[in-house]
Every structure is written in C-alpha cells, then in structure tokens.
Amino acid sequence: MSVKVLNQSAIKEAMGLYHHTCNPGALSNKDLLILILEPLMRDRLLSVAVDDILQKGLAYLTSLSDYELSTLFGLSERQSYHLMAVFELARRISGTKVNDEVIIRSPEDARDAVYDLKFFDKEHFVCLFLNTKNKMIGRETISVGTLNSALVHPREVFKAAIRRGSNSIIFAHNHPSTDVYPSPEDLEMTHRLVECGQLLGIEVKDHVIIGGDNWYSFKQQGVI
C-alpha cells in the first residue's frame, strides 16, 4: 500500500471525527495536527509523522525553531514554517508568549500547566521543573504509554531534573479513561519517585492526574 493511500486513510479518519462531532474542540491533538499538515506532507506516512511530532508534547513542540522542526521530524522548510505560523497564531489568540513566566504556587497552577494532557488518547507522563522561586524552567515528556499504562524510570526523571538544575519537580500524567483516581501502580511509582527525590535533594511537590475535565492532586489529597 502506498504512503499516499495510508495518508488518505488517516485524513479520512480525522475528517470523519470532525464531521461527526461538528466541534474541532472534540478532536485529539493528533487529529488536529493531521488536518493541519495534510496539505503539505505528501512524501511521508502522515499518521506516523504526527506521532513523532507529538511524542515530546505540545509545549516542547511550540518552543522549536523552523530549523529544529525540519531536522528533528524530517519536515521541509515550507512544512516547518507553516507549522510555526500555526503556533504563532495560537499564541496571539491566547494572548500568551513562549517566554511568559509560569509560577506554580498551588495544585491548581500545576493542573493548568498540564491542561493539554486531557486531549491525549495514550498515557503521557510529564515533568515540570521548577527553580527556587517555583518558576517553571522546563517541561518534558518522559514517557508515552499505551491506553492505560506508562513506563517511568526514576533515572530518566531525575536525569532530566539534574540537567536543568531543578530545585523541585512536579509530575503529571493523564488517564484517557477519565477516571482520575490513582491506581496502585500510580501510588507505588509516586512514592518511589518521592524517595529518589529525597536522596537527590530535589523535592517532589505534587503529582497531578488529568482525565478529561477531571483532575486529581496527590498533594491536595494528602498523599504527598
């Protein structure tokens, strides 16, 4: 089967969801990106390319230059510039800028910083890195799992935190099922990461679970 045929299949699926809901807000990040890139990407399997792009998360994606987009994801100069124009328009509409300071003072602030996780159909485990003044100095997707699981190793989590010179860290992941209550695996993993943070002198401030419009804070519930 040709790449063109496979691309058309992905596009039809995204368009089918759009026409069924008549609401772009109901589409996943992947479906939206497929619709945006379809007019430009003819030489690659579109669905796979979009998976590659989303692997690092939307916040990471919007921080890249056109050259970085081209190099990392195999996009042409025109494709990457087109994508950057979409990001810039979104920033202007929302009234935010890439360099705006994000201060995490509460579980609600942490929730807002990872709001986009609600749109993913696989579990994404992300880390928010904070300095001594609780300013977010970075965000990174550590793991992308299946429908109901994510693989997270403390080594990867704290390697990223040390590399960024983080004073503290906040974890977040999504539950595509929208049930935000932590599983036994979530609890075990969180306690393990807290212990590792204590050994390294990097405080784990919270772990937030996002499920649709629902959310759960380990700190708010007294688990951390």
N, C-alpha and C. Protein backbone atom coordinates (compact mmCIF):
# COMPACT_ATOMS: atom_id res chain seq x y z
N MET A 1 0.85 -1.20 0.00
CA MET A 1 0.00 0.00 0.00
C MET A 1 0.88 1.25 0.00
N SER A 2 0.58 2.23 -0.80
CA SER A 2 1.41 3.42 -0.92
C SER A 2 1.22 4.35 0.26
N VAL A 3 2.23 5.24 0.45
CA VAL A 3 2.15 6.24 1.50
C VAL A 3 0.95 7.14 1.29
N LYS A 4 0.66 7.46 0.03
CA LYS A 4 -0.46 8.34 -0.28
C LYS A 4 -1.78 7.74 0.18
N VAL A 5 -1.95 6.44 -0.06
CA VAL A 5 -3.19 5.78 0.35
C VAL A 5 -3.31 5.76 1.86
N LEU A 6 -2.21 5.47 2.56
CA LEU A 6 -2.23 5.43 4.01
C LEU A 6 -2.51 6.82 4.58
N ASN A 7 -1.93 7.85 3.96
CA ASN A 7 -2.21 9.21 4.41
C ASN A 7 -3.68 9.55 4.26
N GLN A 8 -4.25 9.15 3.13
CA GLN A 8 -5.66 9.42 2.90
C GLN A 8 -6.53 8.74 3.93
N SER A 9 -6.11 7.56 4.37
CA SER A 9 -6.86 6.84 5.39
C SER A 9 -6.87 7.61 6.71
N ALA A 10 -5.68 8.13 7.10
CA ALA A 10 -5.58 8.90 8.34
C ALA A 10 -6.40 10.18 8.26
N ILE A 11 -6.35 10.83 7.09
CA ILE A 11 -7.08 12.08 6.91
C ILE A 11 -8.59 11.84 6.97
N LYS A 12 -9.05 10.77 6.30
CA LYS A 12 -10.47 10.46 6.31
C LYS A 12 -10.96 10.18 7.73
N GLU A 13 -10.12 9.50 8.51
CA GLU A 13 -10.49 9.20 9.89
C GLU A 13 -10.66 10.49 10.69
N ALA A 14 -9.69 11.41 10.54
CA ALA A 14 -9.77 12.68 11.26
C ALA A 14 -10.96 13.50 10.79
N MET A 15 -11.17 13.55 9.48
CA MET A 15 -12.30 14.31 8.96
C MET A 15 -13.63 13.69 9.37
N GLY A 16 -13.66 12.36 9.44
CA GLY A 16 -14.88 11.68 9.88
C GLY A 16 -15.24 12.06 11.30
N LEU A 17 -14.21 12.14 12.18
CA LEU A 17 -14.46 12.56 13.55
C LEU A 17 -14.95 13.99 13.60
N TYR A 18 -14.37 14.84 12.74
CA TYR A 18 -14.77 16.25 12.74
C TYR A 18 -16.23 16.41 12.31
N HIS A 19 -16.59 15.73 11.22
CA HIS A 19 -17.97 15.87 10.73
C HIS A 19 -18.97 15.23 11.69
N HIS A 20 -18.49 14.20 12.40
CA HIS A 20 -19.40 13.53 13.34
C HIS A 20 -19.70 14.43 14.54
N THR A 21 -18.68 15.15 15.01
CA THR A 21 -18.86 15.97 16.21
C THR A 21 -19.24 17.41 15.88
N CYS A 22 -18.85 17.89 14.68
CA CYS A 22 -19.03 19.29 14.29
C CYS A 22 -18.39 20.23 15.29
N ASN A 23 -17.36 19.74 15.98
CA ASN A 23 -16.70 20.52 17.02
C ASN A 23 -15.21 20.21 17.02
N PRO A 24 -14.36 21.10 16.49
CA PRO A 24 -12.91 20.84 16.49
C PRO A 24 -12.34 20.62 17.88
N GLY A 25 -12.99 21.20 18.90
CA GLY A 25 -12.52 21.02 20.27
C GLY A 25 -12.61 19.59 20.75
N ALA A 26 -13.39 18.77 20.06
CA ALA A 26 -13.53 17.37 20.46
C ALA A 26 -12.46 16.49 19.82
N LEU A 27 -11.68 17.05 18.89
CA LEU A 27 -10.65 16.26 18.21
C LEU A 27 -9.42 16.13 19.10
N SER A 28 -8.71 15.05 18.94
CA SER A 28 -7.45 14.85 19.65
C SER A 28 -6.37 15.73 19.03
N ASN A 29 -5.25 15.89 19.75
CA ASN A 29 -4.12 16.64 19.20
C ASN A 29 -3.65 16.02 17.89
N LYS A 30 -3.65 14.70 17.85
CA LYS A 30 -3.19 14.02 16.64
C LYS A 30 -4.11 14.33 15.46
N ASP A 31 -5.41 14.27 15.68
CA ASP A 31 -6.35 14.55 14.59
C ASP A 31 -6.21 15.98 14.08
N LEU A 32 -6.04 16.93 15.01
CA LEU A 32 -5.88 18.32 14.61
C LEU A 32 -4.62 18.53 13.79
N LEU A 33 -3.52 17.90 14.23
CA LEU A 33 -2.26 18.07 13.51
C LEU A 33 -2.30 17.41 12.14
N ILE A 34 -3.01 16.30 12.03
CA ILE A 34 -3.18 15.65 10.73
C ILE A 34 -3.89 16.59 9.76
N LEU A 35 -4.94 17.24 10.24
CA LEU A 35 -5.69 18.16 9.38
C LEU A 35 -4.84 19.37 8.97
N ILE A 36 -3.97 19.83 9.89
CA ILE A 36 -3.13 20.98 9.60
C ILE A 36 -2.04 20.64 8.59
N LEU A 37 -1.43 19.46 8.73
CA LEU A 37 -0.28 19.10 7.91
C LEU A 37 -0.64 18.43 6.58
N GLU A 38 -1.85 17.96 6.47
CA GLU A 38 -2.23 17.18 5.28
C GLU A 38 -1.93 17.88 3.95
N PRO A 39 -2.20 19.20 3.83
CA PRO A 39 -1.92 19.83 2.53
C PRO A 39 -0.44 19.88 2.18
N LEU A 40 0.45 19.68 3.17
CA LEU A 40 1.88 19.86 2.95
C LEU A 40 2.67 18.55 2.87
N MET A 41 2.24 17.52 3.59
CA MET A 41 3.05 16.31 3.71
C MET A 41 2.55 15.24 2.76
N ARG A 42 3.28 15.09 1.67
CA ARG A 42 2.91 14.09 0.67
C ARG A 42 3.91 12.95 0.58
N ASP A 43 5.08 13.13 1.19
CA ASP A 43 6.16 12.17 0.99
C ASP A 43 6.42 11.28 2.20
N ARG A 44 5.58 11.37 3.22
CA ARG A 44 5.78 10.54 4.42
C ARG A 44 4.42 10.02 4.88
N LEU A 45 4.47 8.96 5.66
CA LEU A 45 3.26 8.43 6.27
C LEU A 45 2.80 9.42 7.33
N LEU A 46 1.71 10.11 7.08
CA LEU A 46 1.29 11.25 7.88
C LEU A 46 1.03 10.87 9.33
N SER A 47 0.33 9.76 9.56
CA SER A 47 -0.01 9.37 10.92
C SER A 47 1.24 9.11 11.75
N VAL A 48 2.24 8.46 11.15
CA VAL A 48 3.49 8.18 11.86
C VAL A 48 4.26 9.46 12.13
N ALA A 49 4.28 10.37 11.16
CA ALA A 49 4.98 11.65 11.32
C ALA A 49 4.36 12.45 12.47
N VAL A 50 3.04 12.46 12.54
CA VAL A 50 2.37 13.20 13.61
C VAL A 50 2.65 12.57 14.97
N ASP A 51 2.69 11.25 15.04
CA ASP A 51 3.06 10.58 16.29
C ASP A 51 4.45 11.02 16.74
N ASP A 52 5.38 11.10 15.78
CA ASP A 52 6.75 11.54 16.10
C ASP A 52 6.76 12.95 16.66
N ILE A 53 5.99 13.82 16.04
CA ILE A 53 5.95 15.22 16.45
C ILE A 53 5.37 15.37 17.85
N LEU A 54 4.32 14.62 18.15
CA LEU A 54 3.62 14.75 19.43
C LEU A 54 4.33 14.05 20.58
N GLN A 55 5.33 13.24 20.26
CA GLN A 55 5.99 12.42 21.27
C GLN A 55 6.54 13.28 22.42
N LYS A 56 7.05 14.44 22.09
CA LYS A 56 7.67 15.30 23.10
C LYS A 56 6.68 16.23 23.80
N GLY A 57 5.45 16.30 23.31
CA GLY A 57 4.47 17.16 23.95
C GLY A 57 4.34 18.50 23.26
N LEU A 58 3.18 19.11 23.39
CA LEU A 58 2.88 20.36 22.68
C LEU A 58 3.73 21.52 23.16
N ALA A 59 3.99 21.62 24.46
CA ALA A 59 4.78 22.73 24.98
C ALA A 59 6.19 22.70 24.40
N TYR A 60 6.77 21.51 24.32
CA TYR A 60 8.10 21.36 23.73
C TYR A 60 8.05 21.71 22.25
N LEU A 61 7.03 21.25 21.59
CA LEU A 61 6.90 21.45 20.15
C LEU A 61 6.87 22.93 19.79
N THR A 62 6.13 23.73 20.54
CA THR A 62 5.98 25.15 20.21
C THR A 62 7.24 25.96 20.49
N SER A 63 8.21 25.37 21.20
CA SER A 63 9.44 26.10 21.50
C SER A 63 10.50 25.94 20.42
N LEU A 64 10.26 25.07 19.44
CA LEU A 64 11.27 24.76 18.43
C LEU A 64 11.29 25.79 17.30
N SER A 65 12.47 25.98 16.73
CA SER A 65 12.61 26.83 15.55
C SER A 65 12.23 26.04 14.31
N ASP A 66 12.11 26.75 13.18
CA ASP A 66 11.78 26.04 11.95
C ASP A 66 12.87 25.05 11.56
N TYR A 67 14.12 25.43 11.82
CA TYR A 67 15.24 24.52 11.52
C TYR A 67 15.17 23.27 12.39
N GLU A 68 14.86 23.45 13.68
CA GLU A 68 14.77 22.30 14.59
C GLU A 68 13.62 21.38 14.20
N LEU A 69 12.49 21.95 13.81
CA LEU A 69 11.37 21.13 13.34
C LEU A 69 11.76 20.32 12.11
N SER A 70 12.47 20.97 11.19
CA SER A 70 12.89 20.29 9.96
C SER A 70 13.84 19.15 10.28
N THR A 71 14.82 19.42 11.16
CA THR A 71 15.85 18.43 11.48
C THR A 71 15.29 17.25 12.27
N LEU A 72 14.51 17.55 13.29
CA LEU A 72 14.03 16.50 14.20
C LEU A 72 12.95 15.63 13.57
N PHE A 73 12.09 16.22 12.74
CA PHE A 73 10.92 15.49 12.27
C PHE A 73 10.88 15.29 10.76
N GLY A 74 11.96 15.66 10.09
CA GLY A 74 12.02 15.40 8.66
C GLY A 74 11.06 16.23 7.84
N LEU A 75 10.74 17.44 8.32
CA LEU A 75 9.84 18.31 7.59
C LEU A 75 10.64 19.19 6.62
N SER A 76 10.02 19.58 5.54
CA SER A 76 10.66 20.52 4.63
C SER A 76 10.62 21.91 5.27
N GLU A 77 11.38 22.84 4.69
CA GLU A 77 11.39 24.20 5.23
C GLU A 77 9.99 24.80 5.19
N ARG A 78 9.27 24.56 4.11
CA ARG A 78 7.91 25.10 3.99
C ARG A 78 6.98 24.48 5.03
N GLN A 79 7.10 23.16 5.23
CA GLN A 79 6.24 22.48 6.20
C GLN A 79 6.48 23.00 7.61
N SER A 80 7.75 23.12 8.00
CA SER A 80 8.07 23.56 9.36
C SER A 80 7.67 25.02 9.56
N TYR A 81 7.85 25.86 8.54
CA TYR A 81 7.48 27.27 8.66
C TYR A 81 5.96 27.40 8.77
N HIS A 82 5.24 26.58 8.02
CA HIS A 82 3.78 26.57 8.10
C HIS A 82 3.33 26.20 9.51
N LEU A 83 3.97 25.20 10.10
CA LEU A 83 3.63 24.76 11.44
C LEU A 83 3.92 25.85 12.46
N MET A 84 5.05 26.52 12.31
CA MET A 84 5.39 27.61 13.23
C MET A 84 4.38 28.75 13.14
N ALA A 85 3.87 28.99 11.92
CA ALA A 85 2.87 30.05 11.75
C ALA A 85 1.58 29.70 12.50
N VAL A 86 1.21 28.42 12.48
CA VAL A 86 0.03 27.98 13.23
C VAL A 86 0.25 28.19 14.72
N PHE A 87 1.45 27.84 15.23
CA PHE A 87 1.75 28.02 16.65
C PHE A 87 1.69 29.50 17.03
N GLU A 88 2.26 30.35 16.18
CA GLU A 88 2.29 31.78 16.48
C GLU A 88 0.88 32.36 16.52
N LEU A 89 0.05 31.94 15.60
CA LEU A 89 -1.34 32.41 15.59
C LEU A 89 -2.05 31.97 16.86
N ALA A 90 -1.83 30.73 17.29
CA ALA A 90 -2.45 30.22 18.51
C ALA A 90 -1.99 31.04 19.72
N ARG A 91 -0.70 31.40 19.76
CA ARG A 91 -0.19 32.19 20.87
C ARG A 91 -0.81 33.58 20.89
N ARG A 92 -0.98 34.17 19.71
CA ARG A 92 -1.57 35.51 19.65
C ARG A 92 -3.03 35.49 20.07
N ILE A 93 -3.73 34.43 19.67
CA ILE A 93 -5.13 34.31 20.06
C ILE A 93 -5.28 34.16 21.56
N SER A 94 -4.40 33.36 22.14
CA SER A 94 -4.49 33.11 23.59
C SER A 94 -3.89 34.24 24.40
N GLY A 95 -3.12 35.11 23.73
CA GLY A 95 -2.51 36.23 24.44
C GLY A 95 -1.32 35.85 25.27
N THR A 96 -0.72 34.69 24.96
CA THR A 96 0.45 34.24 25.71
C THR A 96 1.66 34.21 24.81
N LYS A 97 2.83 34.17 25.43
CA LYS A 97 4.09 34.10 24.72
C LYS A 97 4.90 32.93 25.29
N VAL A 98 5.83 32.42 24.47
CA VAL A 98 6.64 31.28 24.89
C VAL A 98 7.41 31.59 26.16
N ASN A 99 7.87 32.86 26.29
CA ASN A 99 8.74 33.21 27.40
C ASN A 99 7.99 33.73 28.62
N ASP A 100 6.67 33.70 28.59
CA ASP A 100 5.90 34.10 29.77
C ASP A 100 6.30 33.25 30.97
N GLU A 101 6.40 33.89 32.13
CA GLU A 101 6.74 33.15 33.34
C GLU A 101 5.53 32.36 33.82
N VAL A 102 5.78 31.13 34.20
CA VAL A 102 4.75 30.30 34.80
C VAL A 102 5.22 29.97 36.21
N ILE A 103 4.47 30.45 37.20
CA ILE A 103 4.79 30.20 38.60
C ILE A 103 3.78 29.19 39.14
N ILE A 104 4.30 28.13 39.76
CA ILE A 104 3.44 27.09 40.31
C ILE A 104 3.33 27.31 41.82
N ARG A 105 2.20 27.87 42.24
CA ARG A 105 2.00 28.15 43.67
C ARG A 105 1.01 27.19 44.31
N SER A 106 0.27 26.44 43.50
CA SER A 106 -0.81 25.61 44.04
C SER A 106 -1.05 24.42 43.12
N PRO A 107 -1.78 23.43 43.60
CA PRO A 107 -2.17 22.32 42.72
C PRO A 107 -2.94 22.79 41.50
N GLU A 108 -3.73 23.85 41.66
CA GLU A 108 -4.49 24.38 40.52
C GLU A 108 -3.54 24.93 39.45
N ASP A 109 -2.46 25.57 39.88
CA ASP A 109 -1.47 26.08 38.93
C ASP A 109 -0.82 24.93 38.16
N ALA A 110 -0.52 23.85 38.89
CA ALA A 110 0.08 22.68 38.25
C ALA A 110 -0.88 22.07 37.24
N ARG A 111 -2.15 21.99 37.62
CA ARG A 111 -3.18 21.46 36.70
C ARG A 111 -3.24 22.29 35.42
N ASP A 112 -3.23 23.61 35.58
CA ASP A 112 -3.33 24.47 34.40
C ASP A 112 -2.13 24.31 33.48
N ALA A 113 -0.97 24.02 34.06
CA ALA A 113 0.26 23.89 33.27
C ALA A 113 0.28 22.61 32.43
N VAL A 114 -0.57 21.65 32.79
CA VAL A 114 -0.59 20.38 32.04
C VAL A 114 -1.98 20.09 31.49
N TYR A 115 -2.77 21.14 31.32
CA TYR A 115 -4.16 21.00 30.86
C TYR A 115 -4.26 20.24 29.55
N ASP A 116 -3.26 20.42 28.67
CA ASP A 116 -3.32 19.80 27.34
C ASP A 116 -3.29 18.28 27.39
N LEU A 117 -2.91 17.69 28.53
CA LEU A 117 -2.88 16.23 28.63
C LEU A 117 -4.26 15.61 28.44
N LYS A 118 -5.29 16.37 28.65
CA LYS A 118 -6.66 15.84 28.52
C LYS A 118 -6.97 15.40 27.10
N PHE A 119 -6.21 15.89 26.13
CA PHE A 119 -6.50 15.60 24.73
C PHE A 119 -5.83 14.33 24.21
N PHE A 120 -4.92 13.74 24.99
CA PHE A 120 -4.18 12.57 24.51
C PHE A 120 -4.97 11.29 24.72
N ASP A 121 -4.86 10.36 23.77
CA ASP A 121 -5.55 9.08 23.90
C ASP A 121 -4.63 7.98 24.40
N LYS A 122 -3.37 8.33 24.72
CA LYS A 122 -2.45 7.42 25.40
C LYS A 122 -1.91 8.13 26.64
N GLU A 123 -1.46 7.35 27.60
CA GLU A 123 -0.92 7.96 28.81
C GLU A 123 0.41 8.64 28.50
N HIS A 124 0.52 9.90 28.90
CA HIS A 124 1.76 10.66 28.81
C HIS A 124 2.19 11.03 30.23
N PHE A 125 3.43 10.76 30.55
CA PHE A 125 3.97 11.13 31.85
C PHE A 125 4.93 12.29 31.63
N VAL A 126 4.63 13.44 32.23
CA VAL A 126 5.45 14.63 32.02
C VAL A 126 5.96 15.15 33.36
N CYS A 127 7.04 15.90 33.28
CA CYS A 127 7.63 16.52 34.46
C CYS A 127 7.69 18.03 34.25
N LEU A 128 7.35 18.76 35.29
CA LEU A 128 7.51 20.21 35.33
C LEU A 128 8.70 20.49 36.25
N PHE A 129 9.67 21.25 35.75
CA PHE A 129 10.89 21.54 36.51
C PHE A 129 10.81 22.97 37.03
N LEU A 130 11.06 23.13 38.33
CA LEU A 130 10.92 24.43 38.99
C LEU A 130 12.24 24.88 39.59
N ASN A 131 12.41 26.22 39.65
CA ASN A 131 13.60 26.75 40.34
C ASN A 131 13.24 27.06 41.79
N THR A 132 14.12 27.76 42.50
CA THR A 132 13.90 28.02 43.92
C THR A 132 12.72 28.94 44.19
N LYS A 133 12.28 29.68 43.15
CA LYS A 133 11.13 30.58 43.30
C LYS A 133 9.86 29.98 42.71
N ASN A 134 9.87 28.69 42.48
CA ASN A 134 8.72 27.96 41.93
C ASN A 134 8.36 28.39 40.51
N LYS A 135 9.30 29.01 39.82
CA LYS A 135 9.09 29.33 38.41
C LYS A 135 9.38 28.08 37.58
N MET A 136 8.51 27.79 36.62
CA MET A 136 8.71 26.63 35.77
C MET A 136 9.83 26.93 34.78
N ILE A 137 10.89 26.16 34.85
CA ILE A 137 12.04 26.38 33.97
C ILE A 137 12.10 25.33 32.87
N GLY A 138 11.11 24.45 32.83
CA GLY A 138 11.07 23.46 31.76
C GLY A 138 9.95 22.46 31.97
N ARG A 139 9.62 21.82 30.87
CA ARG A 139 8.64 20.73 30.90
C ARG A 139 9.12 19.67 29.92
N GLU A 140 9.00 18.44 30.31
CA GLU A 140 9.48 17.37 29.44
C GLU A 140 8.58 16.14 29.54
N THR A 141 8.29 15.55 28.40
CA THR A 141 7.55 14.28 28.38
C THR A 141 8.55 13.16 28.57
N ILE A 142 8.41 12.42 29.66
CA ILE A 142 9.36 11.36 29.99
C ILE A 142 8.95 10.05 29.36
N SER A 143 7.65 9.81 29.26
CA SER A 143 7.19 8.51 28.78
C SER A 143 5.84 8.65 28.11
N VAL A 144 5.64 7.87 27.06
CA VAL A 144 4.34 7.73 26.42
C VAL A 144 3.98 6.26 26.46
N GLY A 145 2.83 5.94 27.08
CA GLY A 145 2.44 4.55 27.26
C GLY A 145 1.35 4.12 26.31
N THR A 146 0.69 3.06 26.67
CA THR A 146 -0.43 2.54 25.90
C THR A 146 -1.70 3.22 26.38
N LEU A 147 -2.84 2.61 26.15
CA LEU A 147 -4.11 3.21 26.55
C LEU A 147 -4.21 3.40 28.05
N ASN A 148 -3.62 2.47 28.83
CA ASN A 148 -3.81 2.54 30.28
C ASN A 148 -2.53 2.35 31.09
N SER A 149 -1.36 2.57 30.50
CA SER A 149 -0.14 2.42 31.28
C SER A 149 0.97 3.28 30.70
N ALA A 150 1.87 3.72 31.56
CA ALA A 150 3.04 4.48 31.13
C ALA A 150 4.26 3.93 31.86
N LEU A 151 5.36 3.79 31.15
CA LEU A 151 6.58 3.27 31.73
C LEU A 151 7.45 4.44 32.18
N VAL A 152 7.76 4.49 33.47
CA VAL A 152 8.54 5.60 34.02
C VAL A 152 9.66 5.04 34.88
N HIS A 153 10.87 5.47 34.62
CA HIS A 153 12.01 5.05 35.43
C HIS A 153 12.59 6.26 36.13
N PRO A 154 12.86 6.17 37.44
CA PRO A 154 13.41 7.32 38.18
C PRO A 154 14.67 7.88 37.53
N ARG A 155 15.47 7.03 36.92
CA ARG A 155 16.70 7.51 36.30
C ARG A 155 16.42 8.57 35.24
N GLU A 156 15.41 8.31 34.40
CA GLU A 156 15.09 9.26 33.34
C GLU A 156 14.49 10.55 33.90
N VAL A 157 13.68 10.40 34.95
CA VAL A 157 13.03 11.56 35.56
C VAL A 157 14.07 12.51 36.15
N PHE A 158 14.95 11.97 36.99
CA PHE A 158 15.86 12.84 37.72
C PHE A 158 17.10 13.22 36.91
N LYS A 159 17.40 12.46 35.88
CA LYS A 159 18.46 12.88 34.96
C LYS A 159 18.05 14.19 34.29
N ALA A 160 16.77 14.26 33.90
CA ALA A 160 16.26 15.48 33.27
C ALA A 160 16.24 16.63 34.27
N ALA A 161 15.87 16.35 35.53
CA ALA A 161 15.81 17.39 36.56
C ALA A 161 17.19 17.94 36.88
N ILE A 162 18.17 17.05 36.97
CA ILE A 162 19.55 17.48 37.27
C ILE A 162 20.11 18.28 36.11
N ARG A 163 19.83 17.84 34.90
CA ARG A 163 20.32 18.54 33.71
C ARG A 163 19.82 19.98 33.66
N ARG A 164 18.61 20.20 34.15
CA ARG A 164 18.01 21.54 34.12
C ARG A 164 18.29 22.34 35.38
N GLY A 165 18.99 21.74 36.34
CA GLY A 165 19.28 22.44 37.59
C GLY A 165 18.04 22.72 38.41
N SER A 166 17.11 21.77 38.44
CA SER A 166 15.82 21.96 39.12
C SER A 166 15.98 21.91 40.64
N ASN A 167 15.28 22.79 41.31
CA ASN A 167 15.20 22.75 42.76
C ASN A 167 14.10 21.80 43.22
N SER A 168 13.02 21.75 42.43
CA SER A 168 11.90 20.86 42.74
C SER A 168 11.25 20.42 41.44
N ILE A 169 10.31 19.50 41.58
CA ILE A 169 9.73 18.88 40.39
C ILE A 169 8.27 18.52 40.66
N ILE A 170 7.47 18.58 39.62
CA ILE A 170 6.06 18.16 39.70
C ILE A 170 5.82 17.15 38.60
N PHE A 171 5.16 16.07 38.94
CA PHE A 171 4.81 15.05 37.95
C PHE A 171 3.36 15.22 37.52
N ALA A 172 3.09 14.77 36.32
CA ALA A 172 1.71 14.77 35.83
C ALA A 172 1.56 13.69 34.78
N HIS A 173 0.42 13.06 34.77
CA HIS A 173 0.10 12.14 33.67
C HIS A 173 -1.41 12.13 33.47
N ASN A 174 -1.81 11.62 32.35
CA ASN A 174 -3.23 11.60 32.01
C ASN A 174 -3.79 10.19 32.09
N HIS A 175 -5.08 10.10 32.36
CA HIS A 175 -5.83 8.85 32.29
C HIS A 175 -6.86 9.00 31.17
N PRO A 176 -6.60 8.41 30.02
CA PRO A 176 -7.56 8.52 28.91
C PRO A 176 -8.95 8.03 29.27
N SER A 177 -9.04 7.16 30.28
CA SER A 177 -10.35 6.65 30.70
C SER A 177 -11.19 7.73 31.39
N THR A 178 -10.54 8.84 31.79
CA THR A 178 -11.12 9.98 32.52
C THR A 178 -11.34 9.68 34.01
N ASP A 179 -11.04 8.46 34.45
CA ASP A 179 -11.08 8.14 35.88
C ASP A 179 -9.76 8.59 36.48
N VAL A 180 -9.79 9.65 37.28
CA VAL A 180 -8.54 10.25 37.74
C VAL A 180 -8.03 9.67 39.06
N TYR A 181 -8.78 8.75 39.65
CA TYR A 181 -8.30 8.20 40.92
C TYR A 181 -7.03 7.38 40.66
N PRO A 182 -5.97 7.58 41.46
CA PRO A 182 -4.70 6.88 41.19
C PRO A 182 -4.82 5.37 41.36
N SER A 183 -4.19 4.65 40.46
CA SER A 183 -4.14 3.20 40.54
C SER A 183 -3.07 2.79 41.56
N PRO A 184 -3.07 1.54 41.99
CA PRO A 184 -2.00 1.08 42.89
C PRO A 184 -0.62 1.31 42.28
N GLU A 185 -0.51 1.15 40.96
CA GLU A 185 0.77 1.39 40.29
C GLU A 185 1.16 2.86 40.35
N ASP A 186 0.16 3.75 40.21
CA ASP A 186 0.42 5.19 40.32
C ASP A 186 0.96 5.54 41.70
N LEU A 187 0.33 4.97 42.72
CA LEU A 187 0.74 5.25 44.10
C LEU A 187 2.14 4.72 44.37
N GLU A 188 2.40 3.50 43.94
CA GLU A 188 3.73 2.91 44.15
C GLU A 188 4.81 3.71 43.43
N MET A 189 4.55 4.06 42.18
CA MET A 189 5.51 4.82 41.40
C MET A 189 5.80 6.18 42.04
N THR A 190 4.73 6.85 42.51
CA THR A 190 4.90 8.18 43.09
C THR A 190 5.73 8.12 44.36
N HIS A 191 5.44 7.16 45.23
CA HIS A 191 6.21 7.02 46.47
C HIS A 191 7.68 6.72 46.16
N ARG A 192 7.91 5.94 45.15
CA ARG A 192 9.29 5.62 44.76
C ARG A 192 10.02 6.86 44.25
N LEU A 193 9.33 7.66 43.45
CA LEU A 193 9.94 8.87 42.92
C LEU A 193 10.18 9.90 44.02
N VAL A 194 9.28 9.98 44.99
CA VAL A 194 9.47 10.89 46.12
C VAL A 194 10.72 10.50 46.90
N GLU A 195 10.88 9.20 47.15
CA GLU A 195 12.06 8.72 47.87
C GLU A 195 13.35 9.03 47.12
N CYS A 196 13.33 8.85 45.80
CA CYS A 196 14.51 9.16 44.99
C CYS A 196 14.82 10.65 45.05
N GLY A 197 13.76 11.47 45.02
CA GLY A 197 13.96 12.91 45.10
C GLY A 197 14.57 13.33 46.43
N GLN A 198 14.17 12.69 47.50
CA GLN A 198 14.72 13.00 48.81
C GLN A 198 16.21 12.68 48.86
N LEU A 199 16.61 11.58 48.26
CA LEU A 199 18.01 11.19 48.23
C LEU A 199 18.85 12.19 47.43
N LEU A 200 18.26 12.75 46.38
CA LEU A 200 18.98 13.66 45.50
C LEU A 200 18.84 15.12 45.89
N GLY A 201 17.98 15.40 46.86
CA GLY A 201 17.76 16.78 47.27
C GLY A 201 16.89 17.57 46.31
N ILE A 202 16.03 16.86 45.57
CA ILE A 202 15.09 17.50 44.64
C ILE A 202 13.67 17.19 45.14
N GLU A 203 12.99 18.19 45.64
CA GLU A 203 11.67 17.99 46.24
C GLU A 203 10.62 17.66 45.19
N VAL A 204 9.83 16.64 45.46
CA VAL A 204 8.67 16.34 44.63
C VAL A 204 7.48 17.07 45.23
N LYS A 205 7.01 18.11 44.56
CA LYS A 205 5.97 18.95 45.13
C LYS A 205 4.56 18.40 44.92
N ASP A 206 4.35 17.70 43.82
CA ASP A 206 3.00 17.20 43.54
C ASP A 206 3.04 16.21 42.39
N HIS A 207 1.96 15.48 42.27
CA HIS A 207 1.73 14.60 41.12
C HIS A 207 0.26 14.80 40.75
N VAL A 208 0.04 15.25 39.54
CA VAL A 208 -1.32 15.59 39.09
C VAL A 208 -1.76 14.59 38.02
N ILE A 209 -2.97 14.09 38.16
CA ILE A 209 -3.55 13.21 37.16
C ILE A 209 -4.67 13.96 36.45
N ILE A 210 -4.63 13.96 35.13
CA ILE A 210 -5.64 14.63 34.31
C ILE A 210 -6.48 13.58 33.60
N GLY A 211 -7.80 13.71 33.68
CA GLY A 211 -8.68 12.80 32.97
C GLY A 211 -9.88 13.57 32.43
N GLY A 212 -9.81 13.95 31.16
CA GLY A 212 -10.88 14.80 30.62
C GLY A 212 -10.90 16.12 31.37
N ASP A 213 -12.06 16.50 31.86
CA ASP A 213 -12.18 17.74 32.63
C ASP A 213 -11.97 17.52 34.13
N ASN A 214 -11.67 16.29 34.51
CA ASN A 214 -11.43 15.96 35.91
C ASN A 214 -9.93 15.93 36.19
N TRP A 215 -9.58 16.09 37.46
CA TRP A 215 -8.17 16.03 37.82
C TRP A 215 -8.02 15.62 39.28
N TYR A 216 -6.81 15.18 39.61
CA TYR A 216 -6.51 14.69 40.97
C TYR A 216 -5.11 15.16 41.33
N SER A 217 -4.96 15.74 42.52
CA SER A 217 -3.67 16.18 43.01
C SER A 217 -3.26 15.35 44.22
N PHE A 218 -2.10 14.71 44.14
CA PHE A 218 -1.60 13.94 45.26
C PHE A 218 -1.37 14.84 46.47
N LYS A 219 -0.89 16.06 46.23
CA LYS A 219 -0.64 16.99 47.35
C LYS A 219 -1.95 17.42 47.98
N GLN A 220 -2.90 17.77 47.15
CA GLN A 220 -4.19 18.23 47.65
C GLN A 220 -4.89 17.16 48.47
N GLN A 221 -4.71 15.90 48.08
CA GLN A 221 -5.35 14.79 48.79
C GLN A 221 -4.51 14.25 49.95
N GLY A 222 -3.36 14.86 50.20
CA GLY A 222 -2.53 14.46 51.32
C GLY A 222 -1.70 13.21 51.07
N VAL A 223 -1.60 12.78 49.83
CA VAL A 223 -0.81 11.58 49.51
C VAL A 223 0.67 11.92 49.49
N ILE A 224 1.02 13.15 49.10
CA ILE A 224 2.39 13.64 49.16
C ILE A 224 2.49 14.65 50.30
